[in-house]
Structure formats: structure tokens, C-alpha cells
Amino acid sequence: MRPNQKHFGFIQNPPENLVVSTGFTVISGIQEKIDPKFLYYFLTQEQVTNKLQQIAEHSTSTYPSIKPEHIEDLDINLPPLPEQRAIADMLSSFDDKIELLREQNKTLEATAQTLFQEWFGRYSVDAPDELPEGWRVGKVGTEFDVTI
């Protein structure tokens, strides 16, 4: 359903009898033929999700959706299983690094916000007597060129 929204995920070790929303398609690869992570990365490529979205938009249901046979009919280039695993492992490493960097960015943004509040938040333009030594109050228009 609506592949362009990219609401997909990979479940590493699904529990027995896992239940998911009816708005999702569950895809399981044949282990002797395809690495599950390789299949996941194939299906989540921009060009594949765009193709599936085009199919979904032409569906006869009340909202854009795809059927299992639309996924089954996709062409896929399959290298040997060891190469599939190597490719999937490399892409997983990149995903892990990206997630780590996102978390680091959140921490840095919070630190920057705290520093900003510490440096500027406690000093009011309306009370210039409380400014630290060497600070002054000015008008933005006299300190900078403002162009809109």
C-alpha cells in the first residue's frame, strides 16, 4: 500500500505467529535462492518503490495499493548467495553508520541549544544593564545588511 511513503522495515528474527497490519505485505525469500537483506535492499530502492507506486496509483481499489503478484513479477538480478550476503552486509553497515550519525547529530543539536540558551537566553535586550562586560545592544539593521 502506497510504496512511495516508504513505510517498510526488516524484521531480523520474527517471533512465531507474528501479526502485522493488513496494510503491509510480508515478503519472505526462499533461503536457498536469496538473502533476505539483499531482497530488502532491492525492494527498497528508489526505482523499485517508484515502479510499485505507479502500479498502486492505477489500482482499482479505493486507495493506491499493490498486490503480491506485482512484487512477484518484478525482475531482479541475483548474484550468487555469497555475493548477495556481502552486498547486504555492506549496505547494513552503511545503515548502521547513518543511524549512529543521526543519534550523534541529535546530541550535538541538544548541546548547541543548551549552549545557546546559556550564552544568549539569559540576557534580555530589554535589560542591557545585565549584559556581560564588553557586550552591547544594537539594531540588526545597523549591524548587518538585511535583504529580502
N, C-alpha and C. Protein backbone atom coordinates (compact mmCIF):
# COMPACT_ATOMS: atom_id res chain seq x y z
N MET A 1 0.83 -1.17 0.00
CA MET A 1 0.00 0.00 0.00
C MET A 1 0.88 1.24 0.00
N ARG A 2 0.70 2.15 -0.91
CA ARG A 2 1.42 3.42 -1.00
C ARG A 2 2.94 3.25 -0.83
N PRO A 3 3.60 2.59 -1.75
CA PRO A 3 5.05 2.35 -1.63
C PRO A 3 5.87 3.64 -1.53
N ASN A 4 5.38 4.74 -2.11
CA ASN A 4 6.15 5.98 -2.08
C ASN A 4 6.31 6.55 -0.67
N GLN A 5 5.48 6.10 0.28
CA GLN A 5 5.61 6.59 1.65
C GLN A 5 6.74 5.88 2.40
N LYS A 6 7.26 4.83 1.81
CA LYS A 6 8.43 4.11 2.33
C LYS A 6 8.24 3.64 3.77
N HIS A 7 7.06 3.10 4.04
CA HIS A 7 6.79 2.52 5.36
C HIS A 7 7.10 1.04 5.30
N PHE A 8 8.38 0.74 5.28
CA PHE A 8 8.79 -0.65 5.25
C PHE A 8 9.91 -0.87 6.24
N GLY A 9 10.11 -2.10 6.59
CA GLY A 9 11.16 -2.42 7.55
C GLY A 9 11.59 -3.86 7.40
N PHE A 10 12.66 -4.17 8.06
CA PHE A 10 13.21 -5.53 8.03
C PHE A 10 13.16 -6.08 9.45
N ILE A 11 12.52 -7.21 9.62
CA ILE A 11 12.42 -7.83 10.94
C ILE A 11 13.45 -8.94 10.99
N GLN A 12 14.47 -8.74 11.82
CA GLN A 12 15.62 -9.64 11.87
C GLN A 12 15.25 -11.06 12.27
N ASN A 13 14.65 -11.24 13.41
CA ASN A 13 14.27 -12.56 13.91
C ASN A 13 12.80 -12.52 14.31
N PRO A 14 11.91 -12.67 13.35
CA PRO A 14 10.49 -12.55 13.69
C PRO A 14 10.04 -13.67 14.62
N PRO A 15 9.24 -13.32 15.61
CA PRO A 15 8.72 -14.36 16.51
C PRO A 15 7.71 -15.24 15.78
N GLU A 16 7.46 -16.41 16.32
CA GLU A 16 6.45 -17.31 15.76
C GLU A 16 5.10 -16.59 15.72
N ASN A 17 4.34 -16.82 14.69
CA ASN A 17 2.98 -16.28 14.54
C ASN A 17 2.93 -14.76 14.67
N LEU A 18 3.90 -14.07 14.11
CA LEU A 18 3.93 -12.61 14.12
C LEU A 18 2.72 -12.06 13.37
N VAL A 19 2.05 -11.08 13.93
CA VAL A 19 0.91 -10.45 13.30
C VAL A 19 1.31 -9.04 12.91
N VAL A 20 0.98 -8.67 11.66
CA VAL A 20 1.25 -7.31 11.19
C VAL A 20 -0.04 -6.71 10.65
N SER A 21 -0.02 -5.42 10.43
CA SER A 21 -1.18 -4.72 9.91
C SER A 21 -1.57 -5.27 8.55
N THR A 22 -2.85 -5.21 8.24
CA THR A 22 -3.31 -5.66 6.92
C THR A 22 -2.85 -4.72 5.82
N GLY A 23 -2.34 -3.55 6.18
CA GLY A 23 -1.83 -2.61 5.20
C GLY A 23 -0.43 -2.93 4.73
N PHE A 24 0.15 -4.02 5.22
CA PHE A 24 1.51 -4.39 4.86
C PHE A 24 1.52 -5.72 4.12
N THR A 25 2.50 -5.87 3.27
CA THR A 25 2.76 -7.15 2.63
C THR A 25 4.00 -7.73 3.28
N VAL A 26 3.92 -8.96 3.70
CA VAL A 26 5.06 -9.65 4.30
C VAL A 26 5.74 -10.45 3.20
N ILE A 27 7.03 -10.26 3.05
CA ILE A 27 7.78 -10.92 1.99
C ILE A 27 8.88 -11.76 2.63
N SER A 28 8.89 -13.02 2.29
CA SER A 28 9.92 -13.93 2.78
C SER A 28 10.60 -14.56 1.57
N GLY A 29 11.91 -14.47 1.53
CA GLY A 29 12.66 -15.06 0.42
C GLY A 29 12.87 -16.55 0.63
N ILE A 30 13.13 -17.26 -0.45
CA ILE A 30 13.49 -18.67 -0.37
C ILE A 30 14.97 -18.72 -0.03
N GLN A 31 15.30 -19.23 1.16
CA GLN A 31 16.66 -19.13 1.70
C GLN A 31 17.75 -19.67 0.79
N GLU A 32 17.45 -20.69 0.01
CA GLU A 32 18.47 -21.26 -0.87
C GLU A 32 18.73 -20.40 -2.10
N LYS A 33 17.87 -19.40 -2.33
CA LYS A 33 17.98 -18.59 -3.55
C LYS A 33 18.36 -17.14 -3.30
N ILE A 34 17.89 -16.58 -2.18
CA ILE A 34 18.09 -15.14 -1.98
C ILE A 34 18.30 -14.83 -0.50
N ASP A 35 19.22 -13.93 -0.25
CA ASP A 35 19.47 -13.44 1.10
C ASP A 35 18.36 -12.45 1.45
N PRO A 36 17.71 -12.60 2.60
CA PRO A 36 16.58 -11.72 2.95
C PRO A 36 16.96 -10.23 2.96
N LYS A 37 18.13 -9.90 3.47
CA LYS A 37 18.54 -8.48 3.49
C LYS A 37 18.80 -7.97 2.08
N PHE A 38 19.36 -8.82 1.22
CA PHE A 38 19.58 -8.44 -0.17
C PHE A 38 18.23 -8.11 -0.82
N LEU A 39 17.23 -8.98 -0.57
CA LEU A 39 15.89 -8.76 -1.11
C LEU A 39 15.31 -7.45 -0.57
N TYR A 40 15.49 -7.21 0.71
CA TYR A 40 15.01 -5.96 1.32
C TYR A 40 15.63 -4.74 0.63
N TYR A 41 16.94 -4.75 0.46
CA TYR A 41 17.60 -3.61 -0.18
C TYR A 41 17.17 -3.46 -1.64
N PHE A 42 16.93 -4.58 -2.31
CA PHE A 42 16.44 -4.49 -3.69
C PHE A 42 15.07 -3.81 -3.72
N LEU A 43 14.16 -4.29 -2.89
CA LEU A 43 12.79 -3.79 -2.92
C LEU A 43 12.66 -2.35 -2.43
N THR A 44 13.60 -1.88 -1.64
CA THR A 44 13.50 -0.52 -1.10
C THR A 44 14.28 0.50 -1.93
N GLN A 45 14.82 0.08 -3.07
CA GLN A 45 15.48 1.03 -3.96
C GLN A 45 14.46 2.04 -4.48
N GLU A 46 14.90 3.23 -4.71
CA GLU A 46 14.03 4.30 -5.21
C GLU A 46 13.32 3.89 -6.50
N GLN A 47 14.06 3.31 -7.44
CA GLN A 47 13.43 2.95 -8.72
C GLN A 47 12.38 1.87 -8.55
N VAL A 48 12.57 0.95 -7.62
CA VAL A 48 11.57 -0.10 -7.39
C VAL A 48 10.35 0.47 -6.70
N THR A 49 10.55 1.29 -5.66
CA THR A 49 9.38 1.87 -4.99
C THR A 49 8.61 2.79 -5.94
N ASN A 50 9.32 3.50 -6.83
CA ASN A 50 8.63 4.34 -7.82
C ASN A 50 7.79 3.49 -8.76
N LYS A 51 8.35 2.38 -9.22
CA LYS A 51 7.61 1.48 -10.11
C LYS A 51 6.37 0.93 -9.41
N LEU A 52 6.54 0.48 -8.16
CA LEU A 52 5.41 -0.05 -7.41
C LEU A 52 4.36 1.04 -7.14
N GLN A 53 4.81 2.26 -6.92
CA GLN A 53 3.87 3.37 -6.71
C GLN A 53 3.05 3.62 -7.97
N GLN A 54 3.69 3.56 -9.12
CA GLN A 54 2.94 3.74 -10.37
C GLN A 54 1.87 2.66 -10.52
N ILE A 55 2.22 1.44 -10.18
CA ILE A 55 1.25 0.34 -10.23
C ILE A 55 0.12 0.62 -9.23
N ALA A 56 0.48 1.06 -8.03
CA ALA A 56 -0.50 1.32 -6.98
C ALA A 56 -1.49 2.41 -7.39
N GLU A 57 -0.99 3.44 -8.04
CA GLU A 57 -1.86 4.54 -8.44
C GLU A 57 -2.88 4.13 -9.49
N HIS A 58 -2.59 3.08 -10.21
CA HIS A 58 -3.52 2.60 -11.23
C HIS A 58 -4.37 1.42 -10.73
N SER A 59 -4.33 1.18 -9.43
CA SER A 59 -5.11 0.07 -8.88
C SER A 59 -6.60 0.43 -8.89
N THR A 60 -7.41 -0.59 -8.79
CA THR A 60 -8.86 -0.37 -8.82
C THR A 60 -9.45 -0.25 -7.41
N SER A 61 -8.61 -0.25 -6.39
CA SER A 61 -9.11 -0.11 -5.03
C SER A 61 -9.37 1.36 -4.72
N THR A 62 -9.91 1.62 -3.54
CA THR A 62 -10.26 2.99 -3.16
C THR A 62 -9.04 3.84 -2.81
N TYR A 63 -7.89 3.23 -2.68
CA TYR A 63 -6.65 3.95 -2.39
C TYR A 63 -5.51 3.25 -3.11
N PRO A 64 -4.39 3.96 -3.34
CA PRO A 64 -3.27 3.35 -4.05
C PRO A 64 -2.74 2.13 -3.32
N SER A 65 -2.73 0.99 -3.99
CA SER A 65 -2.24 -0.23 -3.34
C SER A 65 -1.66 -1.18 -4.38
N ILE A 66 -0.84 -2.09 -3.90
CA ILE A 66 -0.26 -3.11 -4.76
C ILE A 66 -0.66 -4.48 -4.23
N LYS A 67 -0.56 -5.46 -5.09
CA LYS A 67 -0.89 -6.83 -4.72
C LYS A 67 0.40 -7.65 -4.72
N PRO A 68 0.41 -8.78 -4.02
CA PRO A 68 1.61 -9.63 -4.00
C PRO A 68 2.14 -9.97 -5.40
N GLU A 69 1.24 -10.18 -6.35
CA GLU A 69 1.72 -10.55 -7.70
C GLU A 69 2.48 -9.41 -8.38
N HIS A 70 2.23 -8.17 -7.97
CA HIS A 70 3.01 -7.06 -8.54
C HIS A 70 4.47 -7.16 -8.10
N ILE A 71 4.66 -7.57 -6.86
CA ILE A 71 6.03 -7.75 -6.36
C ILE A 71 6.64 -9.00 -6.99
N GLU A 72 5.86 -10.05 -7.09
CA GLU A 72 6.34 -11.30 -7.67
C GLU A 72 6.79 -11.13 -9.11
N ASP A 73 6.18 -10.20 -9.84
CA ASP A 73 6.51 -10.00 -11.26
C ASP A 73 7.72 -9.10 -11.49
N LEU A 74 8.30 -8.54 -10.44
CA LEU A 74 9.48 -7.69 -10.61
C LEU A 74 10.69 -8.52 -11.06
N ASP A 75 11.46 -7.97 -11.96
CA ASP A 75 12.72 -8.61 -12.37
C ASP A 75 13.81 -8.23 -11.37
N ILE A 76 14.65 -9.18 -11.04
CA ILE A 76 15.74 -8.93 -10.10
C ILE A 76 16.99 -9.65 -10.59
N ASN A 77 18.12 -8.97 -10.54
CA ASN A 77 19.41 -9.59 -10.85
C ASN A 77 19.94 -10.22 -9.58
N LEU A 78 20.20 -11.51 -9.63
CA LEU A 78 20.64 -12.23 -8.45
C LEU A 78 22.06 -12.77 -8.61
N PRO A 79 23.02 -12.16 -7.93
CA PRO A 79 24.35 -12.77 -7.90
C PRO A 79 24.31 -14.01 -7.01
N PRO A 80 25.36 -14.79 -6.98
CA PRO A 80 25.40 -15.95 -6.07
C PRO A 80 25.17 -15.51 -4.62
N LEU A 81 24.65 -16.43 -3.81
CA LEU A 81 24.32 -16.12 -2.41
C LEU A 81 25.46 -15.47 -1.63
N PRO A 82 26.72 -15.95 -1.75
CA PRO A 82 27.79 -15.28 -1.00
C PRO A 82 27.94 -13.80 -1.38
N GLU A 83 27.77 -13.48 -2.66
CA GLU A 83 27.85 -12.08 -3.09
C GLU A 83 26.65 -11.29 -2.57
N GLN A 84 25.48 -11.90 -2.60
CA GLN A 84 24.29 -11.24 -2.04
C GLN A 84 24.53 -10.87 -0.58
N ARG A 85 25.06 -11.83 0.18
CA ARG A 85 25.31 -11.58 1.61
C ARG A 85 26.34 -10.48 1.80
N ALA A 86 27.38 -10.48 0.98
CA ALA A 86 28.42 -9.45 1.09
C ALA A 86 27.83 -8.07 0.79
N ILE A 87 27.01 -7.99 -0.24
CA ILE A 87 26.37 -6.72 -0.61
C ILE A 87 25.45 -6.26 0.52
N ALA A 88 24.62 -7.17 1.01
CA ALA A 88 23.68 -6.83 2.09
C ALA A 88 24.42 -6.42 3.35
N ASP A 89 25.51 -7.11 3.68
CA ASP A 89 26.30 -6.75 4.87
C ASP A 89 26.89 -5.35 4.74
N MET A 90 27.39 -5.02 3.55
CA MET A 90 27.97 -3.69 3.33
C MET A 90 26.89 -2.62 3.48
N LEU A 91 25.74 -2.84 2.86
CA LEU A 91 24.65 -1.86 2.97
C LEU A 91 24.15 -1.74 4.40
N SER A 92 24.09 -2.85 5.12
CA SER A 92 23.69 -2.82 6.53
C SER A 92 24.67 -2.00 7.36
N SER A 93 25.96 -2.15 7.05
CA SER A 93 26.99 -1.36 7.75
C SER A 93 26.78 0.13 7.53
N PHE A 94 26.46 0.49 6.29
CA PHE A 94 26.18 1.90 5.99
C PHE A 94 24.95 2.38 6.76
N ASP A 95 23.90 1.56 6.77
CA ASP A 95 22.69 1.93 7.52
C ASP A 95 22.99 2.13 9.00
N ASP A 96 23.80 1.24 9.57
CA ASP A 96 24.17 1.37 10.98
C ASP A 96 24.94 2.66 11.23
N LYS A 97 25.86 2.98 10.33
CA LYS A 97 26.65 4.20 10.46
C LYS A 97 25.76 5.44 10.35
N ILE A 98 24.83 5.41 9.40
CA ILE A 98 23.90 6.54 9.23
C ILE A 98 23.08 6.74 10.49
N GLU A 99 22.58 5.66 11.07
CA GLU A 99 21.79 5.76 12.30
C GLU A 99 22.63 6.31 13.45
N LEU A 100 23.86 5.86 13.56
CA LEU A 100 24.76 6.37 14.59
C LEU A 100 24.99 7.87 14.42
N LEU A 101 25.21 8.30 13.18
CA LEU A 101 25.44 9.73 12.92
C LEU A 101 24.18 10.55 13.22
N ARG A 102 23.01 10.00 12.93
CA ARG A 102 21.77 10.71 13.28
C ARG A 102 21.67 10.91 14.79
N GLU A 103 22.01 9.88 15.54
CA GLU A 103 21.96 10.00 17.01
C GLU A 103 23.00 11.01 17.50
N GLN A 104 24.17 11.00 16.90
CA GLN A 104 25.19 11.98 17.29
C GLN A 104 24.73 13.39 16.96
N ASN A 105 24.06 13.56 15.82
CA ASN A 105 23.55 14.88 15.46
C ASN A 105 22.51 15.36 16.47
N LYS A 106 21.64 14.47 16.92
CA LYS A 106 20.66 14.85 17.94
C LYS A 106 21.35 15.34 19.21
N THR A 107 22.39 14.63 19.62
CA THR A 107 23.14 15.01 20.82
C THR A 107 23.81 16.37 20.61
N LEU A 108 24.43 16.56 19.46
CA LEU A 108 25.10 17.83 19.17
C LEU A 108 24.10 18.98 19.11
N GLU A 109 22.94 18.75 18.50
CA GLU A 109 21.91 19.79 18.44
C GLU A 109 21.42 20.16 19.84
N ALA A 110 21.24 19.17 20.70
CA ALA A 110 20.81 19.45 22.08
C ALA A 110 21.88 20.23 22.83
N THR A 111 23.14 19.87 22.62
CA THR A 111 24.25 20.58 23.26
C THR A 111 24.32 22.02 22.76
N ALA A 112 24.17 22.20 21.46
CA ALA A 112 24.20 23.55 20.89
C ALA A 112 23.06 24.39 21.43
N GLN A 113 21.88 23.80 21.55
CA GLN A 113 20.73 24.53 22.09
C GLN A 113 20.97 24.94 23.54
N THR A 114 21.56 24.05 24.32
CA THR A 114 21.87 24.35 25.72
C THR A 114 22.88 25.50 25.80
N LEU A 115 23.93 25.43 24.98
CA LEU A 115 24.94 26.50 24.97
C LEU A 115 24.33 27.82 24.53
N PHE A 116 23.49 27.78 23.51
CA PHE A 116 22.85 29.00 23.04
C PHE A 116 22.03 29.62 24.15
N GLN A 117 21.23 28.81 24.84
CA GLN A 117 20.41 29.33 25.94
C GLN A 117 21.29 29.88 27.06
N GLU A 118 22.40 29.21 27.32
CA GLU A 118 23.31 29.66 28.37
C GLU A 118 23.94 31.01 28.00
N TRP A 119 24.35 31.13 26.76
CA TRP A 119 25.05 32.35 26.35
C TRP A 119 24.11 33.52 26.09
N PHE A 120 22.97 33.24 25.43
CA PHE A 120 22.11 34.32 24.97
C PHE A 120 20.75 34.37 25.65
N GLY A 121 20.24 33.23 26.06
CA GLY A 121 18.89 33.17 26.59
C GLY A 121 18.70 33.92 27.88
N ARG A 122 19.72 34.02 28.68
CA ARG A 122 19.53 34.67 29.99
C ARG A 122 19.72 36.18 29.93
N TYR A 123 20.19 36.70 28.81
CA TYR A 123 20.38 38.15 28.69
C TYR A 123 19.27 38.74 27.82
N SER A 124 18.58 39.68 28.37
CA SER A 124 17.47 40.29 27.67
C SER A 124 17.89 41.61 27.05
N VAL A 125 17.42 41.86 25.84
CA VAL A 125 17.69 43.14 25.18
C VAL A 125 17.02 44.27 25.96
N ASP A 126 15.94 43.92 26.66
CA ASP A 126 15.20 44.93 27.42
C ASP A 126 15.91 45.31 28.72
N ALA A 127 16.91 44.54 29.13
CA ALA A 127 17.63 44.83 30.37
C ALA A 127 19.13 44.86 30.08
N PRO A 128 19.62 45.87 29.33
CA PRO A 128 21.02 45.90 28.92
C PRO A 128 22.00 46.04 30.09
N ASP A 129 21.52 46.46 31.25
CA ASP A 129 22.43 46.60 32.40
C ASP A 129 22.99 45.25 32.83
N GLU A 130 22.29 44.14 32.50
CA GLU A 130 22.71 42.82 32.93
C GLU A 130 23.65 42.15 31.94
N LEU A 131 23.97 42.80 30.86
CA LEU A 131 24.83 42.18 29.85
C LEU A 131 26.26 42.03 30.38
N PRO A 132 26.95 40.99 29.95
CA PRO A 132 28.35 40.82 30.36
C PRO A 132 29.21 41.98 29.85
N GLU A 133 30.33 42.16 30.49
CA GLU A 133 31.24 43.24 30.11
C GLU A 133 31.68 43.07 28.67
N GLY A 134 31.63 44.15 27.92
CA GLY A 134 32.03 44.13 26.52
C GLY A 134 30.88 43.89 25.55
N TRP A 135 29.73 43.48 26.06
CA TRP A 135 28.58 43.25 25.20
C TRP A 135 27.85 44.58 25.04
N ARG A 136 27.09 44.71 23.98
CA ARG A 136 26.29 45.91 23.77
C ARG A 136 25.00 45.53 23.06
N VAL A 137 24.04 46.41 23.08
CA VAL A 137 22.78 46.22 22.37
C VAL A 137 22.83 47.05 21.11
N GLY A 138 22.46 46.45 20.00
CA GLY A 138 22.43 47.17 18.73
C GLY A 138 21.18 46.79 17.96
N LYS A 139 20.98 47.44 16.84
CA LYS A 139 19.87 47.13 15.96
C LYS A 139 20.40 46.24 14.84
N VAL A 140 19.63 45.22 14.50
CA VAL A 140 20.06 44.30 13.44
C VAL A 140 20.36 45.07 12.16
N GLY A 141 19.50 46.03 11.82
CA GLY A 141 19.67 46.80 10.59
C GLY A 141 20.93 47.65 10.55
N THR A 142 21.47 48.03 11.70
CA THR A 142 22.70 48.82 11.71
C THR A 142 23.93 47.93 11.83
N GLU A 143 23.74 46.70 12.22
CA GLU A 143 24.85 45.76 12.39
C GLU A 143 25.06 44.88 11.15
N PHE A 144 23.98 44.67 10.38
CA PHE A 144 24.02 43.76 9.23
C PHE A 144 23.24 44.37 8.08
N ASP A 145 23.56 43.92 6.86
CA ASP A 145 22.75 44.25 5.70
C ASP A 145 21.62 43.24 5.63
N VAL A 146 20.41 43.73 5.61
CA VAL A 146 19.25 42.86 5.54
C VAL A 146 18.61 43.03 4.17
N THR A 147 18.57 41.94 3.40
CA THR A 147 17.97 41.97 2.08
C THR A 147 16.89 40.90 2.01
N ILE A 148 15.73 41.32 1.54
CA ILE A 148 14.62 40.36 1.42
C ILE A 148 14.22 40.27 -0.03
